[in-house]
Amino acid sequence: MSKDGTLLLVQIGGVTLTGLIDNSLDYDPGLAEITTKDSSGHKNYSVFEDDWSVSFTSLYDPTGTYNGKHILAAAKAGTEVTVIFGEVTASADYWTGPAKFGPVTLSGPKGAPAEVSGTLQGTGELSPSTTAGA
């Protein structure tokens, strides 16, 4: 059975982004080829530098915490934040790590709700964790 995507949330500094429309966690283990003449005809790889990011799109709520104004200010200042991606209910698994805002977009199409989207680029280890509770 697959997990309902609406359960996967993004928190920044302990505050859940509201109005989320779409979000994703992207992870690259940083594989580098280390094939040699002794590799018996098969390529070999090793992990060197991993890379991760969280991207999101949400409705732009000017009254919400971490709205477009706050996100843009944090991106301009290069502020490092703690990101949580996953379920935030009791006994649920999630991923967490330090990140900085990358590209941020505020959009206001005619006749449609305004949106804020962006990327949080990991700046340290991405770690699994479990929400406390029964």
N, C-alpha and C. Protein backbone atom coordinates (compact mmCIF):
# COMPACT_ATOMS: atom_id res chain seq x y z
N MET A 1 0.85 -1.17 0.00
CA MET A 1 0.00 0.00 0.00
C MET A 1 0.90 1.24 0.00
N SER A 2 0.59 2.19 -0.83
CA SER A 2 1.41 3.40 -0.90
C SER A 2 0.94 4.43 0.13
N LYS A 3 1.86 5.32 0.48
CA LYS A 3 1.57 6.37 1.45
C LYS A 3 0.86 7.53 0.75
N ASP A 4 -0.10 8.11 1.42
CA ASP A 4 -0.82 9.28 0.91
C ASP A 4 0.13 10.47 0.93
N GLY A 5 0.38 11.07 -0.21
CA GLY A 5 1.31 12.18 -0.32
C GLY A 5 0.94 13.39 0.52
N THR A 6 -0.34 13.52 0.88
CA THR A 6 -0.73 14.67 1.70
C THR A 6 -0.15 14.57 3.11
N LEU A 7 0.34 13.39 3.51
CA LEU A 7 0.93 13.21 4.84
C LEU A 7 2.37 13.70 4.89
N LEU A 8 3.02 13.85 3.73
CA LEU A 8 4.42 14.27 3.69
C LEU A 8 4.50 15.79 3.69
N LEU A 9 4.95 16.34 4.80
CA LEU A 9 4.98 17.78 5.00
C LEU A 9 6.40 18.30 5.07
N VAL A 10 6.54 19.62 5.02
CA VAL A 10 7.84 20.29 5.17
C VAL A 10 7.74 21.21 6.38
N GLN A 11 8.69 21.06 7.29
CA GLN A 11 8.80 21.98 8.42
C GLN A 11 10.11 22.72 8.32
N ILE A 12 10.07 24.00 8.64
CA ILE A 12 11.28 24.82 8.66
C ILE A 12 11.37 25.42 10.06
N GLY A 13 12.43 25.07 10.77
CA GLY A 13 12.59 25.58 12.13
C GLY A 13 11.44 25.20 13.04
N GLY A 14 10.84 24.03 12.83
CA GLY A 14 9.75 23.56 13.67
C GLY A 14 8.38 24.04 13.27
N VAL A 15 8.29 24.85 12.20
CA VAL A 15 7.00 25.38 11.73
C VAL A 15 6.64 24.71 10.42
N THR A 16 5.45 24.08 10.38
CA THR A 16 5.00 23.41 9.16
C THR A 16 4.57 24.45 8.13
N LEU A 17 5.10 24.32 6.90
CA LEU A 17 4.65 25.21 5.82
C LEU A 17 3.18 24.96 5.56
N THR A 18 2.40 26.01 5.52
CA THR A 18 0.96 25.87 5.28
C THR A 18 0.67 26.06 3.80
N GLY A 19 -0.45 25.54 3.37
CA GLY A 19 -0.87 25.70 1.99
C GLY A 19 -0.04 24.92 0.99
N LEU A 20 0.67 23.87 1.46
CA LEU A 20 1.50 23.10 0.54
C LEU A 20 0.67 22.48 -0.58
N ILE A 21 1.17 22.62 -1.78
CA ILE A 21 0.54 22.01 -2.95
C ILE A 21 1.37 20.81 -3.39
N ASP A 22 2.68 20.99 -3.36
CA ASP A 22 3.59 19.93 -3.82
C ASP A 22 4.92 20.10 -3.09
N ASN A 23 5.56 18.99 -2.78
CA ASN A 23 6.88 19.03 -2.16
C ASN A 23 7.61 17.72 -2.44
N SER A 24 8.94 17.80 -2.46
CA SER A 24 9.72 16.60 -2.71
C SER A 24 11.07 16.69 -2.02
N LEU A 25 11.61 15.53 -1.71
CA LEU A 25 12.94 15.39 -1.16
C LEU A 25 13.77 14.69 -2.23
N ASP A 26 14.86 15.32 -2.64
CA ASP A 26 15.73 14.75 -3.66
C ASP A 26 17.08 14.43 -3.02
N TYR A 27 17.56 13.20 -3.22
CA TYR A 27 18.82 12.76 -2.62
C TYR A 27 19.71 12.12 -3.69
N ASP A 28 20.97 12.53 -3.70
CA ASP A 28 21.96 11.97 -4.61
C ASP A 28 23.12 11.46 -3.75
N PRO A 29 23.40 10.14 -3.76
CA PRO A 29 24.46 9.61 -2.91
C PRO A 29 25.87 10.02 -3.35
N GLY A 30 26.01 10.65 -4.49
CA GLY A 30 27.32 11.12 -4.93
C GLY A 30 28.24 10.00 -5.37
N LEU A 31 27.70 9.10 -6.16
CA LEU A 31 28.50 7.97 -6.63
C LEU A 31 29.58 8.43 -7.59
N ALA A 32 30.76 7.85 -7.43
CA ALA A 32 31.87 8.10 -8.35
C ALA A 32 32.38 6.75 -8.84
N GLU A 33 32.64 6.70 -10.12
CA GLU A 33 33.12 5.44 -10.68
C GLU A 33 34.57 5.20 -10.26
N ILE A 34 34.84 3.98 -9.78
CA ILE A 34 36.19 3.61 -9.36
C ILE A 34 36.62 2.32 -10.06
N THR A 35 36.13 2.14 -11.28
CA THR A 35 36.45 0.93 -12.05
C THR A 35 37.94 0.92 -12.42
N THR A 36 38.54 -0.24 -12.26
CA THR A 36 39.94 -0.43 -12.65
C THR A 36 40.05 -1.62 -13.59
N LYS A 37 41.23 -1.91 -14.04
CA LYS A 37 41.45 -3.09 -14.89
C LYS A 37 41.16 -4.38 -14.13
N ASP A 38 41.15 -4.34 -12.82
CA ASP A 38 40.89 -5.52 -11.99
C ASP A 38 39.40 -5.71 -11.70
N SER A 39 38.54 -4.95 -12.32
CA SER A 39 37.11 -4.96 -11.98
C SER A 39 36.32 -6.07 -12.65
N SER A 40 36.95 -6.97 -13.32
CA SER A 40 36.30 -8.15 -13.92
C SER A 40 35.17 -7.81 -14.87
N GLY A 41 35.32 -6.73 -15.62
CA GLY A 41 34.32 -6.38 -16.63
C GLY A 41 33.08 -5.71 -16.09
N HIS A 42 33.07 -5.35 -14.82
CA HIS A 42 31.92 -4.67 -14.22
C HIS A 42 32.38 -3.34 -13.66
N LYS A 43 31.55 -2.33 -13.82
CA LYS A 43 31.87 -1.03 -13.25
C LYS A 43 31.70 -1.09 -11.74
N ASN A 44 32.57 -0.38 -11.02
CA ASN A 44 32.48 -0.27 -9.57
C ASN A 44 32.27 1.19 -9.19
N TYR A 45 31.52 1.41 -8.13
CA TYR A 45 31.21 2.76 -7.68
C TYR A 45 31.42 2.86 -6.17
N SER A 46 31.70 4.06 -5.72
CA SER A 46 31.83 4.35 -4.30
C SER A 46 31.13 5.68 -4.02
N VAL A 47 30.63 5.81 -2.80
CA VAL A 47 29.98 7.04 -2.40
C VAL A 47 31.04 8.02 -1.90
N PHE A 48 31.00 9.25 -2.42
CA PHE A 48 31.95 10.26 -1.99
C PHE A 48 31.25 11.43 -1.31
N GLU A 49 30.61 12.31 -2.05
CA GLU A 49 29.91 13.46 -1.47
C GLU A 49 28.44 13.39 -1.83
N ASP A 50 27.60 13.20 -0.81
CA ASP A 50 26.17 13.17 -1.10
C ASP A 50 25.62 14.58 -1.21
N ASP A 51 24.40 14.68 -1.73
CA ASP A 51 23.76 15.96 -1.97
C ASP A 51 22.26 15.76 -1.80
N TRP A 52 21.60 16.70 -1.15
CA TRP A 52 20.15 16.60 -0.98
C TRP A 52 19.50 17.98 -0.98
N SER A 53 18.23 17.98 -1.32
CA SER A 53 17.46 19.22 -1.31
C SER A 53 15.98 18.90 -1.13
N VAL A 54 15.26 19.88 -0.67
CA VAL A 54 13.80 19.79 -0.54
C VAL A 54 13.21 20.92 -1.37
N SER A 55 12.28 20.59 -2.24
CA SER A 55 11.60 21.63 -3.02
C SER A 55 10.13 21.66 -2.60
N PHE A 56 9.52 22.83 -2.74
CA PHE A 56 8.14 22.99 -2.31
C PHE A 56 7.43 24.03 -3.15
N THR A 57 6.12 23.89 -3.22
CA THR A 57 5.23 24.91 -3.78
C THR A 57 4.05 25.01 -2.83
N SER A 58 3.72 26.22 -2.43
CA SER A 58 2.58 26.41 -1.54
C SER A 58 1.82 27.67 -1.94
N LEU A 59 0.59 27.75 -1.49
CA LEU A 59 -0.18 28.96 -1.70
C LEU A 59 0.46 30.08 -0.89
N TYR A 60 0.49 31.27 -1.44
CA TYR A 60 1.10 32.41 -0.76
C TYR A 60 0.10 33.02 0.19
N ASP A 61 0.31 32.77 1.49
CA ASP A 61 -0.54 33.32 2.54
C ASP A 61 0.25 34.41 3.24
N PRO A 62 -0.06 35.68 2.99
CA PRO A 62 0.73 36.77 3.59
C PRO A 62 0.64 36.82 5.10
N THR A 63 -0.32 36.11 5.71
CA THR A 63 -0.44 36.11 7.17
C THR A 63 0.25 34.90 7.80
N GLY A 64 0.70 33.95 6.99
CA GLY A 64 1.29 32.72 7.51
C GLY A 64 2.75 32.87 7.90
N THR A 65 3.21 31.96 8.77
CA THR A 65 4.62 31.91 9.12
C THR A 65 5.38 31.32 7.95
N TYR A 66 6.55 31.83 7.70
CA TYR A 66 7.34 31.45 6.54
C TYR A 66 6.56 31.68 5.25
N ASN A 67 5.95 32.85 5.15
CA ASN A 67 5.29 33.21 3.90
C ASN A 67 6.36 33.70 2.92
N GLY A 68 5.94 34.17 1.77
CA GLY A 68 6.88 34.59 0.74
C GLY A 68 7.86 35.63 1.21
N LYS A 69 7.40 36.59 2.02
CA LYS A 69 8.27 37.64 2.55
C LYS A 69 9.39 37.05 3.41
N HIS A 70 9.03 36.14 4.31
CA HIS A 70 10.01 35.52 5.21
C HIS A 70 10.97 34.60 4.45
N ILE A 71 10.43 33.86 3.51
CA ILE A 71 11.26 32.94 2.72
C ILE A 71 12.28 33.72 1.90
N LEU A 72 11.83 34.77 1.23
CA LEU A 72 12.73 35.59 0.42
C LEU A 72 13.81 36.25 1.29
N ALA A 73 13.42 36.75 2.46
CA ALA A 73 14.38 37.37 3.36
C ALA A 73 15.42 36.36 3.83
N ALA A 74 15.00 35.14 4.17
CA ALA A 74 15.94 34.09 4.61
C ALA A 74 16.87 33.70 3.47
N ALA A 75 16.35 33.65 2.25
CA ALA A 75 17.19 33.31 1.09
C ALA A 75 18.23 34.41 0.86
N LYS A 76 17.82 35.67 0.93
CA LYS A 76 18.76 36.78 0.72
C LYS A 76 19.84 36.83 1.79
N ALA A 77 19.48 36.48 3.02
CA ALA A 77 20.43 36.54 4.13
C ALA A 77 21.32 35.30 4.22
N GLY A 78 20.97 34.25 3.47
CA GLY A 78 21.75 33.01 3.55
C GLY A 78 21.54 32.29 4.87
N THR A 79 20.37 32.46 5.45
CA THR A 79 20.05 31.87 6.76
C THR A 79 19.99 30.35 6.67
N GLU A 80 20.69 29.68 7.59
CA GLU A 80 20.61 28.21 7.66
C GLU A 80 19.43 27.85 8.56
N VAL A 81 18.62 26.91 8.12
CA VAL A 81 17.44 26.47 8.86
C VAL A 81 17.48 24.96 9.02
N THR A 82 16.72 24.45 9.97
CA THR A 82 16.56 23.01 10.12
C THR A 82 15.30 22.60 9.37
N VAL A 83 15.45 21.63 8.48
CA VAL A 83 14.34 21.18 7.65
C VAL A 83 13.91 19.79 8.08
N ILE A 84 12.61 19.58 8.14
CA ILE A 84 12.05 18.25 8.37
C ILE A 84 11.17 17.94 7.18
N PHE A 85 11.34 16.73 6.61
CA PHE A 85 10.51 16.29 5.50
C PHE A 85 9.92 14.94 5.87
N GLY A 86 8.60 14.84 5.86
CA GLY A 86 7.93 13.56 6.14
C GLY A 86 6.70 13.79 6.98
N GLU A 87 6.26 12.72 7.63
CA GLU A 87 5.11 12.83 8.51
C GLU A 87 5.54 13.44 9.83
N VAL A 88 4.68 14.24 10.41
CA VAL A 88 4.99 14.85 11.70
C VAL A 88 3.97 14.42 12.76
N THR A 89 3.35 13.27 12.55
CA THR A 89 2.43 12.71 13.53
C THR A 89 3.20 11.76 14.44
N ALA A 90 2.58 11.38 15.56
CA ALA A 90 3.22 10.51 16.54
C ALA A 90 3.71 9.21 15.91
N SER A 91 4.92 8.81 16.26
CA SER A 91 5.55 7.57 15.82
C SER A 91 5.77 7.49 14.31
N ALA A 92 5.85 8.62 13.64
CA ALA A 92 6.05 8.64 12.19
C ALA A 92 7.52 8.90 11.87
N ASP A 93 7.96 8.37 10.74
CA ASP A 93 9.33 8.56 10.29
C ASP A 93 9.45 9.81 9.43
N TYR A 94 10.60 10.49 9.55
CA TYR A 94 10.86 11.66 8.73
C TYR A 94 12.36 11.81 8.54
N TRP A 95 12.74 12.76 7.70
CA TRP A 95 14.15 13.08 7.45
C TRP A 95 14.40 14.50 7.89
N THR A 96 15.58 14.78 8.43
CA THR A 96 15.88 16.13 8.89
C THR A 96 17.35 16.47 8.65
N GLY A 97 17.59 17.77 8.47
CA GLY A 97 18.96 18.22 8.28
C GLY A 97 19.02 19.74 8.12
N PRO A 98 20.23 20.29 8.18
CA PRO A 98 20.40 21.73 7.98
C PRO A 98 20.36 22.08 6.50
N ALA A 99 19.82 23.24 6.18
CA ALA A 99 19.72 23.66 4.78
C ALA A 99 19.66 25.18 4.69
N LYS A 100 19.94 25.66 3.49
CA LYS A 100 19.77 27.08 3.17
C LYS A 100 18.84 27.18 1.96
N PHE A 101 18.11 28.29 1.90
CA PHE A 101 17.22 28.51 0.76
C PHE A 101 18.03 28.72 -0.50
N GLY A 102 17.63 28.04 -1.56
CA GLY A 102 18.19 28.27 -2.88
C GLY A 102 17.22 29.17 -3.63
N PRO A 103 16.98 28.89 -4.90
CA PRO A 103 16.05 29.72 -5.67
C PRO A 103 14.65 29.76 -5.05
N VAL A 104 14.06 30.95 -5.04
CA VAL A 104 12.71 31.17 -4.51
C VAL A 104 11.92 31.92 -5.57
N THR A 105 10.67 31.51 -5.79
CA THR A 105 9.81 32.17 -6.76
C THR A 105 8.49 32.55 -6.11
N LEU A 106 8.10 33.80 -6.27
CA LEU A 106 6.78 34.26 -5.87
C LEU A 106 6.02 34.52 -7.16
N SER A 107 4.88 33.88 -7.33
CA SER A 107 4.14 34.06 -8.57
C SER A 107 2.70 34.47 -8.28
N GLY A 108 2.18 35.32 -9.15
CA GLY A 108 0.82 35.82 -9.01
C GLY A 108 0.11 35.83 -10.34
N PRO A 109 -0.32 34.67 -10.81
CA PRO A 109 -1.00 34.63 -12.10
C PRO A 109 -2.38 35.30 -12.02
N LYS A 110 -2.79 35.89 -13.10
CA LYS A 110 -4.10 36.57 -13.17
C LYS A 110 -5.22 35.55 -12.94
N GLY A 111 -6.10 35.87 -12.02
CA GLY A 111 -7.27 35.04 -11.79
C GLY A 111 -6.98 33.72 -11.09
N ALA A 112 -5.83 33.58 -10.47
CA ALA A 112 -5.48 32.34 -9.77
C ALA A 112 -4.76 32.70 -8.47
N PRO A 113 -4.75 31.78 -7.52
CA PRO A 113 -4.08 32.06 -6.25
C PRO A 113 -2.57 32.28 -6.43
N ALA A 114 -2.03 33.20 -5.65
CA ALA A 114 -0.59 33.44 -5.65
C ALA A 114 0.11 32.26 -4.99
N GLU A 115 1.33 31.98 -5.45
CA GLU A 115 2.09 30.86 -4.93
C GLU A 115 3.51 31.29 -4.59
N VAL A 116 4.13 30.56 -3.67
CA VAL A 116 5.54 30.70 -3.39
C VAL A 116 6.16 29.31 -3.54
N SER A 117 7.27 29.25 -4.24
CA SER A 117 7.95 27.97 -4.41
C SER A 117 9.44 28.19 -4.20
N GLY A 118 10.11 27.14 -3.85
CA GLY A 118 11.53 27.27 -3.62
C GLY A 118 12.21 25.95 -3.38
N THR A 119 13.51 26.06 -3.17
CA THR A 119 14.34 24.89 -2.90
C THR A 119 15.16 25.17 -1.65
N LEU A 120 15.23 24.19 -0.78
CA LEU A 120 16.10 24.22 0.38
C LEU A 120 17.25 23.28 0.09
N GLN A 121 18.46 23.81 -0.02
CA GLN A 121 19.64 23.01 -0.35
C GLN A 121 20.29 22.52 0.93
N GLY A 122 20.44 21.20 1.06
CA GLY A 122 21.07 20.64 2.24
C GLY A 122 22.50 21.14 2.41
N THR A 123 22.87 21.47 3.65
CA THR A 123 24.22 21.96 3.94
C THR A 123 24.94 21.04 4.92
N GLY A 124 24.33 19.93 5.25
CA GLY A 124 24.91 18.97 6.19
C GLY A 124 24.25 17.63 6.02
N GLU A 125 24.42 16.78 7.01
CA GLU A 125 23.90 15.41 6.92
C GLU A 125 22.38 15.38 6.97
N LEU A 126 21.80 14.55 6.11
CA LEU A 126 20.36 14.27 6.12
C LEU A 126 20.18 13.02 6.96
N SER A 127 19.43 13.13 8.06
CA SER A 127 19.32 12.04 9.02
C SER A 127 17.88 11.57 9.17
N PRO A 128 17.70 10.24 9.29
CA PRO A 128 16.35 9.72 9.57
C PRO A 128 16.03 9.91 11.04
N SER A 129 14.75 10.09 11.34
CA SER A 129 14.33 10.23 12.72
C SER A 129 12.88 9.77 12.82
N THR A 130 12.38 9.69 14.05
CA THR A 130 11.00 9.28 14.29
C THR A 130 10.37 10.27 15.26
N THR A 131 9.16 10.71 14.94
CA THR A 131 8.45 11.62 15.81
C THR A 131 8.10 10.92 17.11
N ALA A 132 8.30 11.58 18.22
CA ALA A 132 7.98 10.99 19.52
C ALA A 132 6.49 10.79 19.66
N GLY A 133 6.11 9.82 20.44
CA GLY A 133 4.69 9.57 20.70
C GLY A 133 4.36 8.11 20.55
N ALA A 134 3.14 7.79 20.93
CA ALA A 134 2.71 6.38 20.88
C ALA A 134 1.98 6.07 19.62
